[in-house]
Amino acid sequence: MDEKTARLSVHLRNIHRYQNLLKTELTEIELQFLERRLSEERFAAAKLHFMDPGGQIKVV
């Protein structure tokens, strides 16, 4: 597994974990934290997905 695939896999696992945690009973602060982390992980996964081998963002 190359580094990009491994990093993408970690982000996807984190997204899944945060989505499951959102289904539990949370305080408002915990909810805000998880929503922020979920957004950050989704952004990081999308960025990796659209990055070419040279590290540049592909325009589609």
Protein backbone atom coordinates (compact mmCIF):
# COMPACT_ATOMS: atom_id res chain seq x y z
CA MET A 1 0.00 0.00 0.00
CA ASP A 2 1.47 3.36 -0.96
CA GLU A 3 1.54 6.34 1.40
CA LYS A 4 -1.37 8.15 -0.27
CA THR A 5 -3.61 5.08 0.02
CA ALA A 6 -2.61 4.53 3.64
CA ARG A 7 -3.31 8.16 4.56
CA LEU A 8 -6.66 8.07 2.75
CA SER A 9 -7.57 4.89 4.63
CA VAL A 10 -6.81 6.56 7.97
CA HIS A 11 -9.01 9.55 7.11
CA LEU A 12 -11.87 7.27 6.03
CA ARG A 13 -11.62 5.26 9.27
CA ASN A 14 -11.70 8.49 11.27
CA ILE A 15 -14.76 9.68 9.32
CA HIS A 16 -16.54 6.41 10.09
CA ARG A 17 -15.61 6.63 13.78
CA TYR A 18 -16.82 10.24 14.08
CA GLN A 19 -20.08 9.41 12.29
CA ASN A 20 -20.73 6.61 14.78
CA LEU A 21 -19.93 8.90 17.71
CA LEU A 22 -22.45 11.44 16.40
CA LYS A 23 -25.15 8.81 16.94
CA THR A 24 -24.46 8.80 20.70
CA GLU A 25 -25.63 11.17 23.39
CA LEU A 26 -23.29 14.17 23.39
CA THR A 27 -22.99 17.55 25.01
CA GLU A 28 -23.15 20.59 22.75
CA ILE A 29 -19.39 21.07 23.04
CA GLU A 30 -18.72 17.42 22.14
CA LEU A 31 -21.10 17.70 19.18
CA GLN A 32 -19.37 20.83 17.90
CA PHE A 33 -15.96 19.21 18.29
CA LEU A 34 -16.99 16.07 16.39
CA GLU A 35 -18.66 18.05 13.61
CA ARG A 36 -15.50 20.14 13.19
CA ARG A 37 -13.25 17.06 13.16
CA LEU A 38 -15.57 15.29 10.71
CA SER A 39 -15.40 18.29 8.40
CA GLU A 40 -11.60 18.40 8.65
CA GLU A 41 -11.28 14.68 7.94
CA ARG A 42 -13.63 14.89 4.94
CA PHE A 43 -11.64 17.80 3.55
CA ALA A 44 -8.33 15.97 4.04
CA ALA A 45 -9.71 12.82 2.37
CA ALA A 46 -11.06 14.81 -0.59
CA LYS A 47 -7.77 16.65 -0.95
CA LEU A 48 -5.84 13.37 -1.02
CA HIS A 49 -8.32 11.85 -3.45
CA PHE A 50 -7.89 14.69 -5.95
CA MET A 51 -4.12 15.05 -5.55
CA ASP A 52 -1.92 13.88 -8.40
CA PRO A 53 1.29 11.90 -7.74
CA GLY A 54 3.32 15.13 -7.77
CA GLY A 55 1.31 16.58 -4.91
CA GLN A 56 -0.67 19.06 -7.00
CA ILE A 57 -4.46 19.28 -6.89
CA LYS A 58 -6.03 17.93 -10.08
CA VAL A 59 -8.57 20.18 -11.76
CA VAL A 60 -11.57 18.17 -12.92
